[in-house]
Protein backbone atom coordinates (compact mmCIF):
# COMPACT_ATOMS: atom_id res chain seq x y z
CA MET A 1 -71.81 -27.23 -72.39
CA SER A 2 -67.84 -27.84 -71.43
CA ASN A 3 -67.14 -26.56 -75.25
CA LEU A 4 -68.77 -23.32 -73.98
CA ALA A 5 -65.20 -22.94 -72.12
CA VAL A 6 -63.42 -22.12 -75.97
CA LEU A 7 -65.53 -20.07 -77.42
CA PRO A 8 -63.69 -16.83 -76.14
CA ILE A 9 -60.60 -17.79 -77.48
CA VAL A 10 -61.66 -19.56 -80.47
CA ILE A 11 -63.98 -16.79 -82.09
CA PRO A 12 -61.37 -13.92 -81.67
CA LEU A 13 -58.67 -16.70 -82.67
CA LEU A 14 -60.45 -17.45 -86.09
CA ALA A 15 -61.57 -13.71 -87.02
CA GLY A 16 -57.97 -13.03 -86.61
CA ILE A 17 -56.66 -14.88 -89.09
CA LEU A 18 -59.53 -14.20 -91.43
CA THR A 19 -58.42 -11.36 -91.62
CA ILE A 20 -55.11 -11.58 -92.81
CA PHE A 21 -56.63 -12.54 -96.20
CA PHE A 22 -58.50 -9.19 -96.40
CA HIS A 23 -56.27 -6.56 -94.57
CA LYS A 24 -56.49 -3.73 -96.94
CA LYS A 25 -60.29 -4.22 -97.59
CA LEU A 26 -60.77 -1.80 -94.59
CA PRO A 27 -64.62 -0.73 -94.87
CA ILE A 28 -64.87 -5.09 -94.87
CA VAL A 29 -62.17 -5.69 -91.80
CA ARG A 30 -63.48 -2.68 -89.84
CA ILE A 31 -67.13 -4.13 -89.66
CA PHE A 32 -66.46 -7.62 -89.56
CA THR A 33 -64.10 -7.37 -86.38
CA GLN A 34 -66.57 -4.83 -84.62
CA ALA A 35 -69.37 -7.60 -85.31
CA VAL A 36 -67.10 -10.54 -84.55
CA LEU A 37 -66.33 -8.50 -81.00
CA ALA A 38 -69.98 -8.05 -80.48
CA ILE A 39 -70.83 -11.27 -80.84
CA ASN A 40 -68.03 -12.57 -79.00
CA LEU A 41 -69.53 -9.94 -76.15
CA VAL A 42 -73.24 -11.65 -75.86
CA VAL A 43 -71.33 -15.60 -76.22
CA VAL A 44 -69.22 -14.37 -73.15
CA SER A 45 -72.30 -12.82 -71.69
CA TYR A 46 -74.20 -16.09 -72.10
CA ILE A 47 -71.80 -18.46 -70.73
CA LEU A 48 -71.19 -16.13 -67.81
CA TRP A 49 -74.75 -16.04 -67.14
CA TYR A 50 -74.53 -19.74 -67.64
CA VAL A 51 -71.78 -20.52 -65.17
CA ASN A 52 -73.28 -18.24 -62.32
CA GLN A 53 -76.15 -20.37 -62.79
CA ASN A 54 -75.11 -24.01 -63.48
CA GLY A 55 -71.03 -23.48 -61.65
CA THR A 56 -67.97 -24.14 -63.24
CA ILE A 57 -67.64 -25.15 -66.76
CA VAL A 58 -64.22 -27.35 -67.13
CA LEU A 59 -63.35 -28.05 -70.63
CA GLU A 60 -60.69 -31.47 -70.87
CA SER A 61 -58.86 -30.77 -74.28
CA GLY A 62 -59.60 -34.28 -76.41
CA ASP A 63 -61.14 -35.58 -73.46
CA TRP A 64 -57.76 -36.12 -71.91
CA ALA A 65 -59.12 -36.08 -68.75
CA ALA A 66 -57.59 -33.70 -65.57
CA PRO A 67 -54.57 -33.50 -64.92
CA PHE A 68 -53.28 -35.04 -67.80
CA GLY A 69 -54.71 -32.94 -71.05
CA ILE A 70 -54.77 -29.54 -71.30
CA VAL A 71 -57.51 -28.04 -69.14
CA LEU A 72 -59.72 -24.90 -69.41
CA VAL A 73 -61.46 -23.81 -66.70
CA ALA A 74 -64.20 -21.01 -67.04
CA ASP A 75 -64.76 -20.10 -63.75
CA MET A 76 -66.51 -16.70 -62.58
CA LEU A 77 -63.72 -15.26 -61.88
CA SER A 78 -62.22 -15.77 -65.23
CA LEU A 79 -65.59 -14.91 -67.30
CA SER A 80 -65.96 -11.82 -65.06
CA LEU A 81 -62.65 -10.21 -66.89
CA VAL A 82 -62.84 -11.92 -69.85
CA LEU A 83 -66.38 -10.49 -70.23
CA THR A 84 -64.28 -7.34 -69.06
CA THR A 85 -61.82 -7.62 -71.66
CA ASN A 86 -64.73 -7.51 -74.54
CA ILE A 87 -66.13 -4.71 -73.12
CA VAL A 88 -62.79 -2.89 -73.83
CA ALA A 89 -61.85 -4.32 -77.38
CA PHE A 90 -65.61 -3.63 -78.49
CA ALA A 91 -64.53 0.04 -77.32
CA CYS A 92 -61.59 0.14 -79.05
CA ALA A 93 -63.13 -1.50 -82.49
CA LEU A 94 -65.13 1.26 -82.88
CA TYR A 95 -62.73 4.08 -81.91
CA ALA A 96 -59.91 2.34 -84.35
CA PRO A 97 -60.91 3.33 -87.59
CA LYS A 98 -61.19 7.32 -86.05
CA SER A 99 -57.62 7.28 -84.39
CA LEU A 100 -55.12 5.17 -86.68
CA SER A 101 -54.18 5.89 -89.81
CA ILE A 102 -55.05 4.09 -93.44
CA GLN A 103 -51.51 2.75 -93.64
CA LYS A 104 -51.79 1.64 -89.98
CA GLU A 105 -55.03 -0.08 -90.81
CA GLU A 106 -53.93 -1.83 -93.51
CA PHE A 107 -50.73 -3.33 -91.72
CA TYR A 108 -52.43 -6.03 -89.89
CA PHE A 109 -53.84 -3.87 -87.62
CA TYR A 110 -56.99 -5.75 -86.99
CA THR A 111 -55.27 -9.16 -86.98
CA PHE A 112 -53.04 -8.08 -84.27
CA PHE A 113 -55.79 -6.55 -82.10
CA LEU A 114 -57.61 -9.60 -82.26
CA LEU A 115 -54.84 -11.95 -81.47
CA LEU A 116 -54.23 -9.98 -78.33
CA ILE A 117 -57.90 -10.53 -77.43
CA THR A 118 -57.23 -14.34 -78.06
CA GLY A 119 -54.31 -14.37 -75.79
CA VAL A 120 -55.89 -12.29 -73.19
CA SER A 121 -58.79 -14.61 -72.64
CA GLY A 122 -57.18 -17.65 -72.90
CA ALA A 123 -54.82 -16.29 -70.21
CA PHE A 124 -57.74 -15.67 -67.51
CA ILE A 125 -59.51 -19.38 -68.81
CA THR A 126 -56.25 -21.75 -68.53
CA GLY A 127 -56.19 -23.83 -65.92
CA ASP A 128 -52.46 -24.89 -66.72
CA LEU A 129 -49.67 -23.03 -65.62
CA PHE A 130 -47.69 -23.95 -68.86
CA ASN A 131 -50.42 -23.00 -71.23
CA LEU A 132 -50.72 -19.96 -68.86
CA PHE A 133 -47.28 -18.96 -70.26
CA VAL A 134 -47.86 -19.98 -73.68
CA PHE A 135 -51.13 -17.72 -74.02
CA PHE A 136 -48.67 -14.98 -72.34
CA GLU A 137 -46.65 -15.29 -75.68
CA VAL A 138 -49.47 -15.26 -77.76
CA LEU A 139 -50.98 -11.84 -76.46
CA LEU A 140 -46.98 -10.37 -76.37
CA MET A 141 -46.38 -11.70 -79.69
CA ALA A 142 -49.73 -9.40 -80.72
CA SER A 143 -48.40 -6.98 -78.78
CA TYR A 144 -45.19 -6.44 -80.54
CA GLY A 145 -47.03 -6.37 -83.64
CA LEU A 146 -48.94 -3.76 -82.70
CA ILE A 147 -46.25 -1.47 -80.99
CA VAL A 148 -44.48 -0.92 -83.69
CA LEU A 149 -47.18 0.04 -85.70
CA GLY A 150 -46.37 3.17 -87.47
CA GLY A 151 -42.30 2.38 -87.51
CA GLU A 152 -41.97 5.96 -85.70
CA LYS A 153 -37.87 6.07 -84.37
CA VAL A 154 -39.62 6.93 -80.35
CA GLN A 155 -41.69 3.50 -81.01
CA LEU A 156 -38.76 1.40 -82.15
CA ARG A 157 -36.62 2.81 -78.98
CA GLU A 158 -39.12 1.93 -76.57
CA SER A 159 -40.19 -1.28 -78.46
CA ILE A 160 -36.63 -2.66 -77.86
CA LYS A 161 -37.33 -2.03 -73.97
CA TYR A 162 -40.01 -3.21 -74.22
CA VAL A 163 -39.68 -6.93 -75.93
CA LEU A 164 -36.44 -7.13 -73.87
CA ILE A 165 -38.06 -7.10 -70.30
CA ASN A 166 -40.39 -9.50 -71.43
CA LEU A 167 -38.32 -11.98 -73.17
CA PHE A 168 -36.34 -12.01 -69.89
CA SER A 169 -39.52 -12.44 -67.66
CA SER A 170 -40.97 -14.90 -70.47
CA MET A 171 -37.65 -17.00 -69.80
CA LEU A 172 -37.89 -16.71 -66.39
CA PHE A 173 -41.29 -17.83 -66.28
CA VAL A 174 -41.04 -21.05 -68.15
CA THR A 175 -37.95 -21.92 -66.33
CA THR A 176 -39.63 -21.43 -63.27
CA VAL A 177 -42.64 -23.57 -64.18
CA ALA A 178 -39.83 -26.71 -65.26
CA PHE A 179 -38.75 -26.07 -61.62
CA LEU A 180 -42.38 -26.55 -60.30
CA TYR A 181 -42.53 -29.17 -62.06
CA SER A 182 -39.92 -30.69 -61.13
CA VAL A 183 -40.76 -30.57 -57.77
CA VAL A 184 -44.37 -31.55 -57.97
CA GLY A 185 -44.50 -33.57 -60.98
CA THR A 186 -47.57 -31.58 -62.53
CA VAL A 187 -48.32 -28.62 -64.51
CA ASN A 188 -51.97 -28.68 -63.43
CA MET A 189 -53.00 -25.76 -61.39
CA ALA A 190 -55.82 -27.66 -58.83
CA GLN A 191 -52.95 -30.52 -58.70
CA ILE A 192 -50.31 -28.17 -57.89
CA SER A 193 -52.54 -26.70 -55.38
CA GLN A 194 -53.45 -30.20 -53.88
CA ARG A 195 -49.72 -31.42 -53.79
CA VAL A 196 -47.95 -28.08 -52.10
CA ALA A 197 -50.95 -28.83 -49.26
CA GLU A 198 -50.58 -32.32 -48.82
CA GLU A 199 -46.44 -31.65 -48.61
CA GLY A 200 -46.60 -28.35 -47.04
CA GLN A 201 -45.31 -25.26 -48.31
CA THR A 202 -41.82 -25.55 -48.25
CA GLY A 203 -38.71 -23.66 -48.32
CA ILE A 204 -37.92 -24.60 -52.26
CA LEU A 205 -41.60 -24.03 -52.89
CA THR A 206 -42.12 -20.78 -51.41
CA GLY A 207 -38.95 -19.70 -53.51
CA ILE A 208 -40.71 -20.56 -56.39
CA GLY A 209 -43.73 -18.70 -55.44
CA ILE A 210 -41.79 -15.77 -55.08
CA LEU A 211 -39.76 -16.17 -58.42
CA LEU A 212 -43.53 -16.55 -60.05
CA PHE A 213 -44.38 -13.61 -58.16
CA PHE A 214 -41.09 -11.28 -59.77
CA VAL A 215 -42.02 -12.88 -63.36
CA PHE A 216 -45.75 -11.76 -63.04
CA GLY A 217 -44.98 -8.59 -60.79
CA THR A 218 -42.53 -7.69 -64.01
CA LYS A 219 -45.68 -7.49 -66.40
CA ALA A 220 -48.59 -6.16 -63.66
CA ALA A 221 -45.93 -3.41 -63.05
CA LEU A 222 -45.54 -3.75 -59.55
CA PHE A 223 -42.66 -1.53 -57.63
CA PRO A 224 -40.14 -1.94 -58.04
CA LEU A 225 -40.29 -3.77 -61.75
CA TYR A 226 -42.53 -0.81 -63.04
CA TYR A 227 -39.41 0.84 -64.56
CA TRP A 228 -40.16 -0.06 -68.00
CA LEU A 229 -43.86 1.72 -68.06
CA PRO A 230 -44.60 3.79 -69.04
CA LYS A 231 -43.35 5.24 -71.91
CA PRO A 232 -43.94 1.74 -74.22
CA TYR A 233 -47.75 2.21 -73.45
CA ILE A 234 -48.34 5.88 -74.77
CA VAL A 235 -45.40 5.87 -77.60
CA PRO A 236 -48.44 4.19 -80.31
CA ASN A 237 -51.48 5.16 -81.16
CA PRO A 238 -54.24 5.88 -78.74
CA VAL A 239 -56.26 2.72 -79.51
CA VAL A 240 -53.34 0.52 -78.94
CA SER A 241 -52.37 2.48 -75.51
CA ALA A 242 -55.91 1.83 -74.50
CA LEU A 243 -55.69 -1.58 -75.25
CA PHE A 244 -52.33 -2.26 -73.22
CA GLY A 245 -53.22 0.13 -70.34
CA ALA A 246 -56.95 -2.10 -69.76
CA LEU A 247 -55.71 -5.31 -70.42
CA LEU A 248 -51.90 -6.21 -70.03
CA THR A 249 -51.09 -5.28 -66.70
CA LYS A 250 -54.16 -6.88 -65.39
CA VAL A 251 -53.06 -10.15 -67.09
CA GLY A 252 -50.42 -10.00 -64.37
CA ILE A 253 -52.20 -8.90 -61.28
CA TYR A 254 -54.94 -11.74 -61.77
CA SER A 255 -52.08 -13.89 -62.14
CA ILE A 256 -50.97 -13.38 -58.86
CA LEU A 257 -54.44 -13.42 -57.53
CA ARG A 258 -54.71 -16.95 -58.96
CA VAL A 259 -51.96 -18.77 -58.19
CA PHE A 260 -51.54 -17.15 -55.04
CA SER A 261 -54.93 -17.67 -53.46
CA LEU A 262 -54.61 -20.90 -55.02
CA ILE A 263 -51.52 -22.53 -54.51
CA PHE A 264 -48.74 -20.53 -52.41
CA PHE A 265 -51.30 -19.15 -49.61
CA HIS A 266 -49.89 -21.23 -46.97
CA GLU A 267 -47.09 -19.05 -45.67
CA GLN A 268 -48.13 -16.01 -44.10
CA MET A 269 -44.17 -14.56 -44.73
CA VAL A 270 -45.81 -13.81 -48.33
CA PHE A 271 -48.59 -11.94 -48.03
CA ASP A 272 -46.74 -9.89 -45.54
CA PHE A 273 -44.19 -8.85 -48.24
CA PHE A 274 -47.29 -8.27 -50.50
CA ILE A 275 -48.18 -5.39 -48.04
CA TRP A 276 -45.20 -3.58 -48.40
CA ILE A 277 -44.86 -3.93 -52.48
CA ALA A 278 -48.54 -2.71 -52.59
CA GLY A 279 -47.63 0.46 -50.50
CA PHE A 280 -44.72 1.29 -52.19
CA THR A 281 -46.47 0.36 -55.68
CA LEU A 282 -49.34 3.02 -54.76
CA ILE A 283 -46.63 5.68 -53.62
CA PHE A 284 -44.52 5.48 -56.48
CA GLY A 285 -47.17 5.16 -59.18
CA ALA A 286 -48.75 8.67 -57.59
CA ILE A 287 -45.32 10.13 -57.56
CA GLY A 288 -45.02 9.11 -61.34
CA ALA A 289 -48.17 10.48 -62.75
CA LEU A 290 -47.61 14.23 -60.41
CA SER A 291 -44.18 14.45 -61.78
CA THR A 292 -45.24 15.01 -65.45
CA ASN A 293 -46.97 17.47 -67.65
CA ASN A 294 -47.52 14.90 -70.59
CA ILE A 295 -51.41 14.09 -70.61
CA LYS A 296 -50.74 10.38 -71.91
CA MET A 297 -48.11 9.83 -69.23
CA ILE A 298 -50.40 11.07 -66.30
CA ILE A 299 -52.66 8.37 -67.30
CA ALA A 300 -50.24 5.55 -67.98
CA TYR A 301 -48.59 6.46 -64.84
CA ASN A 302 -52.11 5.75 -63.22
CA ILE A 303 -51.85 2.12 -63.87
CA ILE A 304 -49.01 1.77 -61.37
CA PRO A 305 -50.88 2.67 -58.24
CA ALA A 306 -53.89 0.89 -59.39
CA ILE A 307 -52.24 -2.40 -59.52
CA GLY A 308 -50.89 -1.33 -56.39
CA PHE A 309 -54.90 -1.27 -54.49
CA MET A 310 -55.39 -4.78 -56.28
CA LEU A 311 -51.77 -6.22 -54.81
CA MET A 312 -53.49 -4.57 -51.20
CA GLY A 313 -56.39 -6.81 -51.48
CA ILE A 314 -54.45 -9.96 -52.55
CA ALA A 315 -52.03 -9.23 -49.26
CA VAL A 316 -54.78 -8.96 -46.85
CA PHE A 317 -56.55 -12.06 -47.91
CA ASN A 318 -59.83 -12.03 -46.71
CA GLU A 319 -62.80 -11.82 -48.25
CA ASN A 320 -63.43 -7.80 -48.64
CA GLY A 321 -59.69 -7.40 -49.90
CA LEU A 322 -60.30 -10.05 -51.97
CA SER A 323 -63.23 -8.87 -53.19
CA GLY A 324 -62.40 -5.18 -53.76
CA SER A 325 -59.30 -6.62 -55.71
CA ILE A 326 -61.79 -7.93 -57.78
CA TYR A 327 -64.30 -4.80 -58.16
CA TYR A 328 -61.71 -2.90 -58.57
CA LEU A 329 -60.08 -4.76 -61.66
CA ILE A 330 -63.42 -4.85 -63.53
CA GLN A 331 -63.68 -1.14 -62.96
CA ASP A 332 -60.20 -0.08 -63.58
CA MET A 333 -59.55 -1.90 -67.04
CA ILE A 334 -62.57 0.22 -67.92
CA ILE A 335 -62.09 3.25 -66.71
CA LYS A 336 -57.99 3.25 -68.16
CA ALA A 337 -59.51 2.17 -71.24
CA ALA A 338 -61.56 5.17 -71.39
CA LEU A 339 -59.01 7.38 -69.97
CA PHE A 340 -56.49 6.85 -72.81
CA LEU A 341 -58.97 7.01 -75.52
CA MET A 342 -60.39 10.45 -73.71
CA VAL A 343 -56.15 11.94 -73.59
CA GLY A 344 -56.03 10.74 -76.98
CA ALA A 345 -58.81 12.92 -78.46
CA VAL A 346 -57.45 15.05 -76.63
CA ALA A 347 -53.84 15.05 -77.82
CA TYR A 348 -55.36 14.86 -81.48
CA LEU A 349 -57.82 17.75 -80.94
CA ALA A 350 -55.85 20.23 -79.28
CA GLY A 351 -52.42 18.97 -81.45
CA THR A 352 -50.01 18.22 -78.57
CA SER A 353 -50.06 16.14 -75.04
CA ASP A 354 -48.23 18.80 -73.36
CA LEU A 355 -50.69 20.10 -70.69
CA ARG A 356 -48.26 23.30 -70.48
CA LYS A 357 -49.68 24.19 -74.17
CA ILE A 358 -53.28 23.13 -73.54
CA ARG A 359 -56.10 25.11 -72.35
CA GLY A 360 -59.71 26.42 -72.45
CA LEU A 361 -60.70 22.93 -74.38
CA ILE A 362 -64.28 23.16 -72.95
CA HIS A 363 -65.28 26.22 -75.08
CA HIS A 364 -64.98 24.11 -78.06
CA TYR A 365 -65.60 20.82 -76.72
CA PRO A 366 -67.95 20.91 -73.73
CA PHE A 367 -69.15 17.40 -73.86
CA LEU A 368 -65.64 16.12 -74.07
CA GLY A 369 -64.78 18.10 -71.09
CA TRP A 370 -67.33 17.10 -68.44
CA LEU A 371 -67.04 13.34 -69.50
CA PHE A 372 -63.14 13.38 -68.73
CA PHE A 373 -64.50 15.14 -65.78
CA LEU A 374 -66.80 12.47 -65.01
CA ALA A 375 -63.96 9.91 -65.93
CA SER A 376 -61.87 11.96 -63.63
CA PHE A 377 -64.13 10.85 -60.79
CA VAL A 378 -64.55 7.33 -61.63
CA LEU A 379 -60.74 7.04 -61.72
CA ALA A 380 -59.93 8.58 -57.99
CA GLY A 381 -62.69 6.38 -56.66
CA ILE A 382 -65.10 9.12 -55.64
CA PRO A 383 -68.47 8.30 -54.27
CA PRO A 384 -71.15 6.72 -56.05
CA PHE A 385 -68.80 6.14 -58.27
CA SER A 386 -67.50 2.39 -59.02
CA GLY A 387 -63.70 3.09 -57.99
CA PHE A 388 -65.43 4.10 -54.53
CA ILE A 389 -66.78 0.75 -54.25
CA GLY A 390 -63.90 -1.18 -54.93
CA LYS A 391 -61.54 0.97 -52.58
CA LEU A 392 -64.15 0.58 -49.77
CA LEU A 393 -64.13 -2.75 -49.78
CA LEU A 394 -60.10 -2.77 -49.79
CA VAL A 395 -60.15 -0.27 -46.93
CA GLN A 396 -62.41 -2.53 -45.13
CA GLY A 397 -60.61 -5.37 -45.74
CA ALA A 398 -57.36 -4.07 -44.80
CA PHE A 399 -58.72 -2.72 -41.49
CA GLU A 400 -59.85 -6.20 -40.43
CA GLU A 401 -56.93 -7.83 -40.28
CA GLY A 402 -54.72 -4.67 -38.82
CA GLU A 403 -53.08 -2.73 -41.55
CA ILE A 404 -53.89 0.45 -40.90
CA ALA A 405 -50.79 1.71 -42.36
CA ILE A 406 -51.70 0.66 -46.25
CA ALA A 407 -55.56 1.82 -45.64
CA LEU A 408 -54.61 4.99 -44.84
CA ILE A 409 -51.52 5.36 -47.51
CA GLY A 410 -54.14 3.55 -49.95
CA LEU A 411 -56.85 6.79 -49.17
CA GLY A 412 -53.93 9.45 -49.34
CA VAL A 413 -52.94 7.77 -52.94
CA SER A 414 -56.43 8.43 -54.08
CA LEU A 415 -56.42 11.78 -53.24
CA LEU A 416 -53.01 12.39 -55.07
CA ILE A 417 -54.41 10.72 -58.17
CA LEU A 418 -57.66 12.67 -58.12
CA TYR A 419 -55.17 15.73 -58.43
CA SER A 420 -53.26 13.98 -61.00
CA VAL A 421 -56.12 13.86 -63.56
CA MET A 422 -58.21 16.73 -62.30
CA ARG A 423 -54.60 18.91 -63.67
CA ILE A 424 -55.74 17.87 -66.93
CA PHE A 425 -59.22 18.99 -66.89
CA ILE A 426 -58.25 22.32 -64.79
CA ARG A 427 -55.76 23.36 -67.29
CA GLY A 428 -56.43 21.60 -70.20
CA PHE A 429 -59.86 22.37 -70.45
CA TRP A 430 -60.65 25.12 -68.16
CA GLY A 431 -59.65 28.84 -68.95
CA GLU A 432 -59.66 30.86 -70.74
CA LYS A 433 -60.75 29.93 -74.73
CA ASP A 434 -57.94 29.36 -77.30
CA ASP A 435 -58.67 30.60 -80.66
CA ALA A 436 -55.88 29.11 -82.35
CA ILE A 437 -57.95 26.17 -81.95
CA ILE A 438 -60.14 25.02 -84.62
CA PRO A 439 -62.61 22.73 -83.80
CA ASP A 440 -62.98 19.44 -85.51
CA HIS A 441 -66.54 18.49 -83.98
CA LYS A 442 -67.42 15.76 -86.39
CA LYS A 443 -64.03 13.98 -85.63
CA ALA A 444 -64.81 14.50 -82.06
CA ARG A 445 -68.16 12.88 -81.88
CA GLY A 446 -66.57 9.71 -83.35
CA PHE A 447 -64.04 10.07 -80.85
CA ILE A 448 -67.21 10.17 -78.29
CA VAL A 449 -69.29 7.49 -78.81
CA PRO A 450 -66.70 4.48 -77.78
CA ILE A 451 -65.97 6.95 -74.66
CA VAL A 452 -69.59 7.22 -73.74
CA PHE A 453 -69.90 3.28 -73.96
CA LEU A 454 -67.32 2.82 -71.57
CA LEU A 455 -68.12 5.29 -69.34
CA PHE A 456 -71.77 3.98 -69.05
CA PHE A 457 -70.51 0.73 -67.56
CA ASN A 458 -68.21 2.44 -64.88
CA VAL A 459 -71.44 4.46 -63.57
CA LEU A 460 -73.19 1.14 -63.90
CA LEU A 461 -70.97 -0.59 -61.92
CA GLY A 462 -71.31 2.33 -59.25
CA VAL A 463 -74.76 3.14 -58.97
CA GLY A 464 -75.87 -0.26 -59.44
CA ALA A 465 -73.12 -1.86 -57.09
CA GLU A 466 -75.84 -3.53 -55.43
CA TRP A 467 -76.38 -6.00 -58.51
CA PHE A 468 -73.06 -6.43 -59.02
CA TYR A 469 -71.30 -6.95 -55.16
CA PRO A 470 -72.63 -10.36 -54.32
CA GLY A 471 -71.49 -11.65 -57.53
CA ILE A 472 -68.39 -10.47 -56.45
CA GLU A 473 -68.32 -11.20 -53.37
CA SER A 474 -69.03 -14.99 -54.02
CA ILE A 475 -66.09 -14.88 -55.83
CA GLY A 476 -64.18 -13.76 -52.80
CA SER A 477 -65.62 -16.46 -51.15
CA TYR A 478 -64.96 -18.96 -53.78
CA LEU A 479 -61.01 -17.67 -53.74
CA LEU A 480 -61.03 -18.09 -49.98
CA ASP A 481 -61.63 -22.13 -50.42
CA PRO A 482 -59.58 -23.63 -52.95
CA GLU A 483 -61.15 -27.10 -52.42
CA ILE A 484 -63.94 -25.58 -55.01
CA TYR A 485 -61.70 -25.09 -57.92
CA ILE A 486 -59.60 -28.40 -56.95
CA GLN A 487 -63.16 -30.85 -57.14
CA SER A 488 -64.27 -29.04 -60.09
CA VAL A 489 -61.41 -29.37 -62.27
CA LEU A 490 -60.54 -33.00 -60.61
CA LYS A 491 -63.76 -34.03 -60.29
CA GLU A 492 -62.54 -35.76 -56.96
C-alpha cells in the first residue's frame, strides 16, 4: 500500500502533461480537468482514511531504503493539507470557464493549473529537504506561467518582482540545504532530526534553521518579508488569485511547521523570535487590509495576518497551539479561495474593483451578497464558524505558555479583519440600488456554484468541529513527538 503515497502527485502530473496535447479543445480539456480533480479528491480522501486507520505511509522510491533514497511520507498532517488543496483545486476548475477568456484557457492554463497542484501536493508529502526544494520549484514554475497569462502590462510588471523574489529565495534555499548537508551528512528530514538531536542544536545548526526560516518566511509572506505581496496575487485572473492566495503562502508556513517541529525545536530562543514575528505580521497585515479601497487588495492583504496566526501557534509550541495552527491553516486555505473567487465575481459584475465606485449590489445579486456576509464571519472567526475554532485553540495555547500579549493582539486583529471585509459588504452590497448596473444573473449563477462548494466545507469545519477536532488534536500531539515520524521513516 506504500504506492498510495505517490498518487496525489502522479495523477495531476500525468493529467497536466496530457492537457498539453489537446489544450485548444476546450470542452474536452475542461471536463477532463474537472474529472481528474474529482477523482484525485476521492483518492486522497481514501488515502487519508487509510492512514487514519493504519498509520503513516512511507514510500521508498526504487526500493532504496531511507535515508538513502527519495522518500514520500503520507501522514495525517500532509494528507489533510493535500485533501484541502484538492478541494480548492476542484472549485477553481469549476470557476475557471466562467472567469477566463477562451484565449487564456487555450494558452495552457489547465496544464499550468495541474502542475501547480502537483508541486503543492509534492511539497506537502515529501520527506526529503532537497525534494522539498524541487517541489517548490515545480509549483513556482507553474505559478510563473499562470501569473503572466494574458500578458497585460501590469501582470508583466508584477511578475518580474514575483520571479526575482522567488529566484533569490530559491537560491538561498538550495544553498542552505547544501550547508546543512555538509554539517549533518543527509537531506532526509527524519535522519536530520535524529542527528541534530544526537549532536545537539549547536550555534551553526540554529543559524541554518534561521536561514531556512528566512526562505520559508519569504514564501509565506511573514513580516518583514511580505513586501512583495499583495499585488502579484491580484493582477492575474481571479481564479489564479484564488489558487495563489489559498495555496502558495500555505506551503511556506507548512514548511516552517514541519521543519521546526521535527528538526530545529531544541532552542527556545528561536520560538521566542517567532512570537515577535507573528505579532508584527498580525498587526501590519491588518493595517494593510484597512489601507486600501481595492476589494482584491483587501482580501490579498488579509493573507498576511492569517499567516501570523499560524506562526503564533508554532511559536507557543504546545498541543493547543499546534492544533490551532493546523485547524486554522486548513480552514484558511478554503476561505481565502472562496473570498478571492467572490471579489473576482464582484469586480466583474460591478465593472470595477474600486470599492468607492460599487454600491447596492445586494439588490441585483442578493444570494452573492449574503454568501459574502457569511464568508466575512468565517474569515474573522465569529462563532460557530471554522475560523473561531482555530483561533480559540491558538489563544488557549498562548495563554498556557503565558504569552498574553500575542493572544490579545490576535483577538484585536480579528476585529480589524472583520471590519476590513465588512467594509466591502456595507459599501459594496448595502445601500441604494445602482441602476447603472445591468444584472447578469446567468454569469452570477456560474460564479456562485464553486463558491457555495467551498463555503460548505468552511461551515462544516465549524458546526461539525466535534467530528474533525479529534483528528486535528492527534496531529498536534504527533508533531510534539518527532520520534513517531523518525520511526515511521527510518523503521528503527
